[in-house]
PDB file of all heavy atoms in Angstrom:
ATOM      1  N   LEU A   1      82.255 135.727  48.648  1.00  0.00           N
ATOM      2  CA  LEU A   1      82.889 134.412  48.947  1.00  0.00           C
ATOM      3  C   LEU A   1      83.529 133.869  47.667  1.00  0.00           C
ATOM      4  O   LEU A   1      84.623 133.316  47.760  1.00  0.00           O
ATOM      5  CB  LEU A   1      81.795 133.455  49.418  1.00  0.00           C
ATOM      6  CG  LEU A   1      82.303 132.172  50.122  1.00  0.00           C
ATOM      7  CD1 LEU A   1      83.042 132.503  51.362  1.00  0.00           C
ATOM      8  CD2 LEU A   1      81.063 131.275  50.415  1.00  0.00           C
ATOM      9  N   GLY A   2      82.880 134.031  46.502  1.00  0.00           N
ATOM     10  CA  GLY A   2      83.487 133.546  45.258  1.00  0.00           C
ATOM     11  C   GLY A   2      84.768 134.244  44.934  1.00  0.00           C
ATOM     12  O   GLY A   2      85.723 133.647  44.472  1.00  0.00           O
ATOM     13  N   ILE A   3      84.771 135.596  45.198  1.00  0.00           N
ATOM     14  CA  ILE A   3      85.997 136.340  44.986  1.00  0.00           C
ATOM     15  C   ILE A   3      87.109 135.884  45.881  1.00  0.00           C
ATOM     16  O   ILE A   3      88.273 135.707  45.453  1.00  0.00           O
ATOM     17  CB  ILE A   3      85.716 137.822  45.142  1.00  0.00           C
ATOM     18  CG1 ILE A   3      84.810 138.352  43.963  1.00  0.00           C
ATOM     19  CG2 ILE A   3      86.990 138.669  45.176  1.00  0.00           C
ATOM     20  CD1 ILE A   3      84.387 139.815  44.181  1.00  0.00           C
ATOM     21  N   LEU A   4      86.788 135.635  47.143  1.00  0.00           N
ATOM     22  CA  LEU A   4      87.773 135.157  48.097  1.00  0.00           C
ATOM     23  C   LEU A   4      88.324 133.744  47.730  1.00  0.00           C
ATOM     24  O   LEU A   4      89.498 133.480  47.883  1.00  0.00           O
ATOM     25  CB  LEU A   4      87.202 135.134  49.504  1.00  0.00           C
ATOM     26  CG  LEU A   4      86.963 136.479  50.143  1.00  0.00           C
ATOM     27  CD1 LEU A   4      86.157 136.412  51.417  1.00  0.00           C
ATOM     28  CD2 LEU A   4      88.329 137.170  50.453  1.00  0.00           C
ATOM     29  N   ASN A   5      87.416 132.911  47.169  1.00  0.00           N
ATOM     30  CA  ASN A   5      87.921 131.590  46.685  1.00  0.00           C
ATOM     31  C   ASN A   5      88.888 131.745  45.571  1.00  0.00           C
ATOM     32  O   ASN A   5      89.886 131.008  45.473  1.00  0.00           O
ATOM     33  CB  ASN A   5      86.728 130.749  46.253  1.00  0.00           C
ATOM     34  CG  ASN A   5      85.956 130.196  47.455  1.00  0.00           C
ATOM     35  OD1 ASN A   5      86.478 130.059  48.573  1.00  0.00           O
ATOM     36  ND2 ASN A   5      84.713 129.814  47.237  1.00  0.00           N
ATOM     37  N   SER A   6      88.649 132.713  44.658  1.00  0.00           N
ATOM     38  CA  SER A   6      89.526 132.950  43.562  1.00  0.00           C
ATOM     39  C   SER A   6      90.847 133.433  44.055  1.00  0.00           C
ATOM     40  O   SER A   6      91.926 133.036  43.627  1.00  0.00           O
ATOM     41  CB  SER A   6      88.944 133.968  42.618  1.00  0.00           C
ATOM     42  OG  SER A   6      87.781 133.443  41.959  1.00  0.00           O
ATOM     43  N   TYR A   7      90.799 134.384  45.025  1.00  0.00           N
ATOM     44  CA  TYR A   7      92.009 134.898  45.635  1.00  0.00           C
ATOM     45  C   TYR A   7      92.808 133.825  46.326  1.00  0.00           C
ATOM     46  O   TYR A   7      94.050 133.766  46.110  1.00  0.00           O
ATOM     47  CB  TYR A   7      91.627 136.008  46.677  1.00  0.00           C
ATOM     48  CG  TYR A   7      92.820 136.636  47.320  1.00  0.00           C
ATOM     49  CD1 TYR A   7      93.388 137.802  46.839  1.00  0.00           C
ATOM     50  CD2 TYR A   7      93.408 136.092  48.491  1.00  0.00           C
ATOM     51  CE1 TYR A   7      94.488 138.432  47.406  1.00  0.00           C
ATOM     52  CE2 TYR A   7      94.478 136.697  49.082  1.00  0.00           C
ATOM     53  CZ  TYR A   7      95.018 137.835  48.530  1.00  0.00           C
ATOM     54  OH  TYR A   7      96.140 138.434  49.141  1.00  0.00           O
ATOM     55  N   SER A   8      92.144 132.948  47.086  1.00  0.00           N
ATOM     56  CA  SER A   8      92.875 131.926  47.812  1.00  0.00           C
ATOM     57  C   SER A   8      93.493 130.891  46.824  1.00  0.00           C
ATOM     58  O   SER A   8      94.492 130.257  47.186  1.00  0.00           O
ATOM     59  CB  SER A   8      91.906 131.170  48.736  1.00  0.00           C
ATOM     60  OG  SER A   8      91.379 132.123  49.758  1.00  0.00           O
ATOM     61  N   ALA A   9      92.911 130.747  45.666  1.00  0.00           N
ATOM     62  CA  ALA A   9      93.442 129.809  44.691  1.00  0.00           C
ATOM     63  C   ALA A   9      94.635 130.307  43.942  1.00  0.00           C
ATOM     64  O   ALA A   9      95.372 129.473  43.304  1.00  0.00           O
ATOM     65  CB  ALA A   9      92.327 129.434  43.694  1.00  0.00           C
ATOM     66  N   MET A  10      94.890 131.594  43.994  1.00  0.00           N
ATOM     67  CA  MET A  10      96.051 132.163  43.324  1.00  0.00           C
ATOM     68  C   MET A  10      97.379 131.992  43.997  1.00  0.00           C
ATOM     69  O   MET A  10      97.428 131.964  45.248  1.00  0.00           O
ATOM     70  CB  MET A  10      95.829 133.675  43.106  1.00  0.00           C
ATOM     71  CG  MET A  10      94.702 134.074  42.171  1.00  0.00           C
ATOM     72  SD  MET A  10      94.552 135.868  42.157  1.00  0.00           S
ATOM     73  CE  MET A  10      93.273 136.052  40.886  1.00  0.00           C
ATOM     74  N   SER A  11      98.442 131.886  43.212  1.00  0.00           N
ATOM     75  CA  SER A  11      99.758 131.946  43.831  1.00  0.00           C
ATOM     76  C   SER A  11     100.139 133.386  43.996  1.00  0.00           C
ATOM     77  O   SER A  11      99.469 134.322  43.591  1.00  0.00           O
ATOM     78  CB  SER A  11     100.787 131.307  42.797  1.00  0.00           C
ATOM     79  OG  SER A  11     100.843 132.085  41.637  1.00  0.00           O
ATOM     80  N   ASP A  12     101.253 133.646  44.739  1.00  0.00           N
ATOM     81  CA  ASP A  12     101.627 135.023  44.961  1.00  0.00           C
ATOM     82  C   ASP A  12     101.931 135.764  43.639  1.00  0.00           C
ATOM     83  O   ASP A  12     101.563 136.985  43.529  1.00  0.00           O
ATOM     84  CB  ASP A  12     102.932 135.038  45.824  1.00  0.00           C
ATOM     85  CG  ASP A  12     102.694 134.615  47.241  1.00  0.00           C
ATOM     86  OD1 ASP A  12     101.516 134.676  47.673  1.00  0.00           O
ATOM     87  OD2 ASP A  12     103.662 134.188  47.938  1.00  0.00           O
ATOM     88  N   GLU A  13     102.464 135.067  42.687  1.00  0.00           N
ATOM     89  CA  GLU A  13     102.756 135.708  41.414  1.00  0.00           C
ATOM     90  C   GLU A  13     101.489 136.096  40.631  1.00  0.00           C
ATOM     91  O   GLU A  13     101.410 137.109  40.036  1.00  0.00           O
ATOM     92  CB  GLU A  13     103.633 134.755  40.543  1.00  0.00           C
ATOM     93  CG  GLU A  13     105.040 134.510  41.089  1.00  0.00           C
ATOM     94  CD  GLU A  13     105.070 133.421  42.142  1.00  0.00           C
ATOM     95  OE1 GLU A  13     104.012 132.708  42.312  1.00  0.00           O
ATOM     96  OE2 GLU A  13     106.108 133.307  42.833  1.00  0.00           O
ATOM     97  N   GLU A  14     100.478 135.177  40.729  1.00  0.00           N
ATOM     98  CA  GLU A  14      99.242 135.500  40.091  1.00  0.00           C
ATOM     99  C   GLU A  14      98.553 136.727  40.713  1.00  0.00           C
ATOM    100  O   GLU A  14      97.955 137.557  39.986  1.00  0.00           O
ATOM    101  CB  GLU A  14      98.302 134.290  40.188  1.00  0.00           C
ATOM    102  CG  GLU A  14      98.697 133.122  39.354  1.00  0.00           C
ATOM    103  CD  GLU A  14      97.865 131.851  39.606  1.00  0.00           C
ATOM    104  OE1 GLU A  14      96.702 131.890  39.371  1.00  0.00           O
ATOM    105  OE2 GLU A  14      98.463 130.869  40.156  1.00  0.00           O
ATOM    106  N   ARG A  15      98.606 136.828  42.026  1.00  0.00           N
ATOM    107  CA  ARG A  15      98.025 137.953  42.710  1.00  0.00           C
ATOM    108  C   ARG A  15      98.729 139.277  42.311  1.00  0.00           C
ATOM    109  O   ARG A  15      98.086 140.285  42.109  1.00  0.00           O
ATOM    110  CB  ARG A  15      98.086 137.804  44.236  1.00  0.00           C
ATOM    111  CG  ARG A  15      97.156 136.645  44.766  1.00  0.00           C
ATOM    112  CD  ARG A  15      97.511 136.261  46.158  1.00  0.00           C
ATOM    113  NE  ARG A  15      96.696 135.137  46.586  1.00  0.00           N
ATOM    114  CZ  ARG A  15      97.046 134.381  47.633  1.00  0.00           C
ATOM    115  NH1 ARG A  15      98.134 134.724  48.324  1.00  0.00           N
ATOM    116  NH2 ARG A  15      96.303 133.308  47.964  1.00  0.00           N
ATOM    117  N   THR A  16     100.069 139.187  42.228  1.00  0.00           N
ATOM    118  CA  THR A  16     100.839 140.403  41.866  1.00  0.00           C
ATOM    119  C   THR A  16     100.528 140.767  40.440  1.00  0.00           C
ATOM    120  O   THR A  16     100.284 141.986  40.153  1.00  0.00           O
ATOM    121  CB  THR A  16     102.339 140.137  41.970  1.00  0.00           C
ATOM    122  OG1 THR A  16     102.642 139.773  43.348  1.00  0.00           O
ATOM    123  CG2 THR A  16     103.157 141.321  41.542  1.00  0.00           C
ATOM    124  N   ALA A  17     100.499 139.826  39.494  1.00  0.00           N
ATOM    125  CA  ALA A  17     100.231 140.129  38.113  1.00  0.00           C
ATOM    126  C   ALA A  17      98.763 140.630  37.949  1.00  0.00           C
ATOM    127  O   ALA A  17      98.558 141.467  37.028  1.00  0.00           O
ATOM    128  CB  ALA A  17     100.442 138.888  37.262  1.00  0.00           C
ATOM    129  N   SER A  18      97.893 140.197  38.774  1.00  0.00           N
ATOM    130  CA  SER A  18      96.463 140.582  38.622  1.00  0.00           C
ATOM    131  C   SER A  18      96.134 141.830  39.489  1.00  0.00           C
ATOM    132  O   SER A  18      94.971 142.288  39.417  1.00  0.00           O
ATOM    133  CB  SER A  18      95.549 139.426  39.008  1.00  0.00           C
ATOM    134  OG  SER A  18      95.802 138.278  38.228  1.00  0.00           O
ATOM    135  N   ASN A  19      97.078 142.244  40.278  1.00  0.00           N
ATOM    136  CA  ASN A  19      96.861 143.370  41.227  1.00  0.00           C
ATOM    137  C   ASN A  19      95.789 143.099  42.252  1.00  0.00           C
ATOM    138  O   ASN A  19      95.005 143.935  42.606  1.00  0.00           O
ATOM    139  CB  ASN A  19      96.491 144.704  40.426  1.00  0.00           C
ATOM    140  CG  ASN A  19      96.638 145.899  41.339  1.00  0.00           C
ATOM    141  OD1 ASN A  19      97.431 145.959  42.189  1.00  0.00           O
ATOM    142  ND2 ASN A  19      95.820 146.893  41.052  1.00  0.00           N
ATOM    143  N   TRP A  20      95.678 141.834  42.648  1.00  0.00           N
ATOM    144  CA  TRP A  20      94.786 141.395  43.721  1.00  0.00           C
ATOM    145  C   TRP A  20      95.597 141.535  45.024  1.00  0.00           C
ATOM    146  O   TRP A  20      96.239 140.599  45.475  1.00  0.00           O
ATOM    147  CB  TRP A  20      94.275 139.977  43.464  1.00  0.00           C
ATOM    148  CG  TRP A  20      93.214 139.856  42.409  1.00  0.00           C
ATOM    149  CD1 TRP A  20      93.184 140.604  41.266  1.00  0.00           C
ATOM    150  CD2 TRP A  20      92.051 139.122  42.480  1.00  0.00           C
ATOM    151  NE1 TRP A  20      92.024 140.270  40.552  1.00  0.00           N
ATOM    152  CE2 TRP A  20      91.331 139.382  41.268  1.00  0.00           C
ATOM    153  CE3 TRP A  20      91.514 138.225  43.362  1.00  0.00           C
ATOM    154  CZ2 TRP A  20      90.117 138.738  40.961  1.00  0.00           C
ATOM    155  CZ3 TRP A  20      90.337 137.557  43.060  1.00  0.00           C
ATOM    156  CH2 TRP A  20      89.626 137.849  41.871  1.00  0.00           C
ATOM    157  N   THR A  21      95.533 142.654  45.632  1.00  0.00           N
ATOM    158  CA  THR A  21      96.318 143.026  46.772  1.00  0.00           C
ATOM    159  C   THR A  21      95.700 142.525  48.058  1.00  0.00           C
ATOM    160  O   THR A  21      94.478 142.195  48.125  1.00  0.00           O
ATOM    161  CB  THR A  21      96.493 144.544  46.883  1.00  0.00           C
ATOM    162  OG1 THR A  21      95.204 145.139  47.120  1.00  0.00           O
ATOM    163  CG2 THR A  21      97.104 145.071  45.627  1.00  0.00           C
ATOM    164  N   PRO A  22      96.489 142.471  49.202  1.00  0.00           N
ATOM    165  CA  PRO A  22      95.865 142.134  50.475  1.00  0.00           C
ATOM    166  C   PRO A  22      94.727 143.109  50.846  1.00  0.00           C
ATOM    167  O   PRO A  22      93.746 142.708  51.516  1.00  0.00           O
ATOM    168  CB  PRO A  22      97.098 142.247  51.430  1.00  0.00           C
ATOM    169  CG  PRO A  22      98.290 141.988  50.637  1.00  0.00           C
ATOM    170  CD  PRO A  22      97.900 142.543  49.277  1.00  0.00           C
ATOM    171  N   SER A  23      94.794 144.349  50.457  1.00  0.00           N
ATOM    172  CA  SER A  23      93.772 145.302  50.733  1.00  0.00           C
ATOM    173  C   SER A  23      92.526 144.906  50.031  1.00  0.00           C
ATOM    174  O   SER A  23      91.384 144.988  50.575  1.00  0.00           O
ATOM    175  CB  SER A  23      94.221 146.767  50.304  1.00  0.00           C
ATOM    176  OG  SER A  23      93.135 147.611  50.481  1.00  0.00           O
ATOM    177  N   PHE A  24      92.645 144.452  48.783  1.00  0.00           N
ATOM    178  CA  PHE A  24      91.483 143.957  47.994  1.00  0.00           C
ATOM    179  C   PHE A  24      90.859 142.775  48.659  1.00  0.00           C
ATOM    180  O   PHE A  24      89.601 142.723  48.832  1.00  0.00           O
ATOM    181  CB  PHE A  24      91.968 143.629  46.602  1.00  0.00           C
ATOM    182  CG  PHE A  24      90.918 142.955  45.725  1.00  0.00           C
ATOM    183  CD1 PHE A  24      89.828 143.671  45.279  1.00  0.00           C
ATOM    184  CD2 PHE A  24      91.083 141.639  45.265  1.00  0.00           C
ATOM    185  CE1 PHE A  24      88.832 143.096  44.477  1.00  0.00           C
ATOM    186  CE2 PHE A  24      90.116 141.067  44.480  1.00  0.00           C
ATOM    187  CZ  PHE A  24      88.981 141.785  44.057  1.00  0.00           C
ATOM    188  N   ARG A  25      91.725 141.869  49.137  1.00  0.00           N
ATOM    189  CA  ARG A  25      91.213 140.676  49.919  1.00  0.00           C
ATOM    190  C   ARG A  25      90.485 141.085  51.131  1.00  0.00           C
ATOM    191  O   ARG A  25      89.397 140.593  51.437  1.00  0.00           O
ATOM    192  CB  ARG A  25      92.394 139.788  50.267  1.00  0.00           C
ATOM    193  CG  ARG A  25      92.072 138.561  51.141  1.00  0.00           C
ATOM    194  CD  ARG A  25      93.321 138.144  51.899  1.00  0.00           C
ATOM    195  NE  ARG A  25      93.811 139.181  52.814  1.00  0.00           N
ATOM    196  CZ  ARG A  25      95.027 139.265  53.274  1.00  0.00           C
ATOM    197  NH1 ARG A  25      95.944 138.329  52.927  1.00  0.00           N
ATOM    198  NH2 ARG A  25      95.387 140.157  54.108  1.00  0.00           N
ATOM    199  N   ASP A  26      91.103 142.002  51.927  1.00  0.00           N
ATOM    200  CA  ASP A  26      90.439 142.447  53.198  1.00  0.00           C
ATOM    201  C   ASP A  26      89.103 143.138  52.968  1.00  0.00           C
ATOM    202  O   ASP A  26      88.174 142.962  53.757  1.00  0.00           O
ATOM    203  CB  ASP A  26      91.399 143.394  53.932  1.00  0.00           C
ATOM    204  CG  ASP A  26      92.648 142.687  54.431  1.00  0.00           C
ATOM    205  OD1 ASP A  26      92.691 141.467  54.477  1.00  0.00           O
ATOM    206  OD2 ASP A  26      93.644 143.425  54.729  1.00  0.00           O
ATOM    207  N   ASN A  27      89.026 143.868  51.860  1.00  0.00           N
ATOM    208  CA  ASN A  27      87.733 144.511  51.527  1.00  0.00           C
ATOM    209  C   ASN A  27      86.626 143.453  51.241  1.00  0.00           C
ATOM    210  O   ASN A  27      85.470 143.569  51.622  1.00  0.00           O
ATOM    211  CB  ASN A  27      87.871 145.446  50.340  1.00  0.00           C
ATOM    212  CG  ASN A  27      88.524 146.744  50.731  1.00  0.00           C
ATOM    213  OD1 ASN A  27      88.452 147.199  51.858  1.00  0.00           O
ATOM    214  ND2 ASN A  27      89.223 147.371  49.780  1.00  0.00           N
ATOM    215  N   ALA A  28      87.088 142.402  50.516  1.00  0.00           N
ATOM    216  CA  ALA A  28      86.124 141.306  50.247  1.00  0.00           C
ATOM    217  C   ALA A  28      85.679 140.569  51.503  1.00  0.00           C
ATOM    218  O   ALA A  28      84.516 140.241  51.622  1.00  0.00           O
ATOM    219  CB  ALA A  28      86.766 140.333  49.257  1.00  0.00           C
ATOM    220  N   VAL A  29      86.622 140.381  52.449  1.00  0.00           N
ATOM    221  CA  VAL A  29      86.248 139.781  53.722  1.00  0.00           C
ATOM    222  C   VAL A  29      85.288 140.666  54.476  1.00  0.00           C
ATOM    223  O   VAL A  29      84.296 140.139  55.019  1.00  0.00           O
ATOM    224  CB  VAL A  29      87.554 139.538  54.561  1.00  0.00           C
ATOM    225  CG1 VAL A  29      87.186 139.036  55.974  1.00  0.00           C
ATOM    226  CG2 VAL A  29      88.486 138.469  53.907  1.00  0.00           C
ATOM    227  N   ALA A  30      85.557 141.903  54.504  1.00  0.00           N
ATOM    228  CA  ALA A  30      84.684 142.838  55.240  1.00  0.00           C
ATOM    229  C   ALA A  30      83.317 142.874  54.605  1.00  0.00           C
ATOM    230  O   ALA A  30      82.211 142.878  55.300  1.00  0.00           O
ATOM    231  CB  ALA A  30      85.262 144.230  55.217  1.00  0.00           C
ATOM    232  N   SER A  31      83.232 142.839  53.301  1.00  0.00           N
ATOM    233  CA  SER A  31      81.959 142.818  52.592  1.00  0.00           C
ATOM    234  C   SER A  31      81.158 141.526  52.895  1.00  0.00           C
ATOM    235  O   SER A  31      79.989 141.567  53.166  1.00  0.00           O
ATOM    236  CB  SER A  31      82.174 142.948  51.099  1.00  0.00           C
ATOM    237  OG  SER A  31      80.921 142.810  50.387  1.00  0.00           O
ATOM    238  N   TYR A  32      81.867 140.410  52.883  1.00  0.00           N
ATOM    239  CA  TYR A  32      81.207 139.143  53.188  1.00  0.00           C
ATOM    240  C   TYR A  32      80.620 139.176  54.605  1.00  0.00           C
ATOM    241  O   TYR A  32      79.458 138.775  54.809  1.00  0.00           O
ATOM    242  CB  TYR A  32      82.243 137.960  53.068  1.00  0.00           C
ATOM    243  CG  TYR A  32      81.749 136.682  53.538  1.00  0.00           C
ATOM    244  CD1 TYR A  32      80.918 135.874  52.718  1.00  0.00           C
ATOM    245  CD2 TYR A  32      82.020 136.146  54.767  1.00  0.00           C
ATOM    246  CE1 TYR A  32      80.426 134.696  53.155  1.00  0.00           C
ATOM    247  CE2 TYR A  32      81.559 134.966  55.209  1.00  0.00           C
ATOM    248  CZ  TYR A  32      80.757 134.243  54.378  1.00  0.00           C
ATOM    249  OH  TYR A  32      80.231 133.044  54.841  1.00  0.00           O
ATOM    250  N   LYS A  33      81.431 139.597  55.560  1.00  0.00           N
ATOM    251  CA  LYS A  33      80.987 139.586  56.914  1.00  0.00           C
ATOM    252  C   LYS A  33      79.820 140.572  57.189  1.00  0.00           C
ATOM    253  O   LYS A  33      78.866 140.249  57.895  1.00  0.00           O
ATOM    254  CB  LYS A  33      82.185 139.858  57.890  1.00  0.00           C
ATOM    255  CG  LYS A  33      83.178 138.767  57.946  1.00  0.00           C
ATOM    256  CD  LYS A  33      84.293 139.083  58.925  1.00  0.00           C
ATOM    257  CE  LYS A  33      85.270 137.921  59.044  1.00  0.00           C
ATOM    258  NZ  LYS A  33      86.371 138.233  60.014  1.00  0.00           N
ATOM    259  N   SER A  34      79.893 141.701  56.611  1.00  0.00           N
ATOM    260  CA  SER A  34      78.870 142.736  56.778  1.00  0.00           C
ATOM    261  C   SER A  34      77.557 142.262  56.146  1.00  0.00           C
ATOM    262  O   SER A  34      76.442 142.430  56.732  1.00  0.00           O
ATOM    263  CB  SER A  34      79.296 144.058  56.239  1.00  0.00           C
ATOM    264  OG  SER A  34      79.440 144.014  54.850  1.00  0.00           O
ATOM    265  N   THR A  35      77.675 141.636  54.953  1.00  0.00           N
ATOM    266  CA  THR A  35      76.481 141.136  54.306  1.00  0.00           C
ATOM    267  C   THR A  35      75.817 140.006  55.099  1.00  0.00           C
ATOM    268  O   THR A  35      74.569 139.972  55.265  1.00  0.00           O
ATOM    269  CB  THR A  35      76.846 140.580  52.876  1.00  0.00           C
ATOM    270  OG1 THR A  35      77.412 141.660  52.126  1.00  0.00           O
ATOM    271  CG2 THR A  35      75.604 140.086  52.146  1.00  0.00           C
ATOM    272  N   ASN A  36      76.656 139.133  55.631  1.00  0.00           N
ATOM    273  CA  ASN A  36      76.142 138.023  56.462  1.00  0.00           C
ATOM    274  C   ASN A  36      75.453 138.554  57.713  1.00  0.00           C
ATOM    275  O   ASN A  36      74.437 138.037  58.189  1.00  0.00           O
ATOM    276  CB  ASN A  36      77.264 137.086  56.834  1.00  0.00           C
ATOM    277  CG  ASN A  36      77.284 135.835  55.874  1.00  0.00           C
ATOM    278  OD1 ASN A  36      76.353 135.637  55.149  1.00  0.00           O
ATOM    279  ND2 ASN A  36      78.373 135.133  55.933  1.00  0.00           N
ATOM    280  N   HIS A  37      76.068 139.627  58.276  1.00  0.00           N
ATOM    281  CA  HIS A  37      75.498 140.188  59.492  1.00  0.00           C
ATOM    282  C   HIS A  37      74.106 140.784  59.242  1.00  0.00           C
ATOM    283  O   HIS A  37      73.177 140.583  60.038  1.00  0.00           O
ATOM    284  CB  HIS A  37      76.415 141.273  60.058  1.00  0.00           C
ATOM    285  CG  HIS A  37      75.922 141.978  61.274  1.00  0.00           C
ATOM    286  ND1 HIS A  37      75.740 141.281  62.481  1.00  0.00           N
ATOM    287  CD2 HIS A  37      75.519 143.289  61.473  1.00  0.00           C
ATOM    288  CE1 HIS A  37      75.224 142.122  63.353  1.00  0.00           C
ATOM    289  NE2 HIS A  37      75.120 143.332  62.834  1.00  0.00           N
ATOM    290  N   ILE A  38      74.019 141.500  58.105  1.00  0.00           N
ATOM    291  CA  ILE A  38      72.705 142.082  57.749  1.00  0.00           C
ATOM    292  C   ILE A  38      71.674 140.976  57.454  1.00  0.00           C
ATOM    293  O   ILE A  38      70.521 141.071  57.919  1.00  0.00           O
ATOM    294  CB  ILE A  38      72.885 142.971  56.499  1.00  0.00           C
ATOM    295  CG1 ILE A  38      73.754 144.181  56.860  1.00  0.00           C
ATOM    296  CG2 ILE A  38      71.502 143.424  55.965  1.00  0.00           C
ATOM    297  CD1 ILE A  38      74.123 145.039  55.656  1.00  0.00           C
TER     298      ILE A  38
END
């Protein structure tokens, strides 16, 4: 959740410069949901 908050706070340029890709975001979402399910 903290990683997703950081991602959501970034502008498109910050994400590009940091290499925080949509795939990275989607992996964080999947991890959050699976952890909550467990």
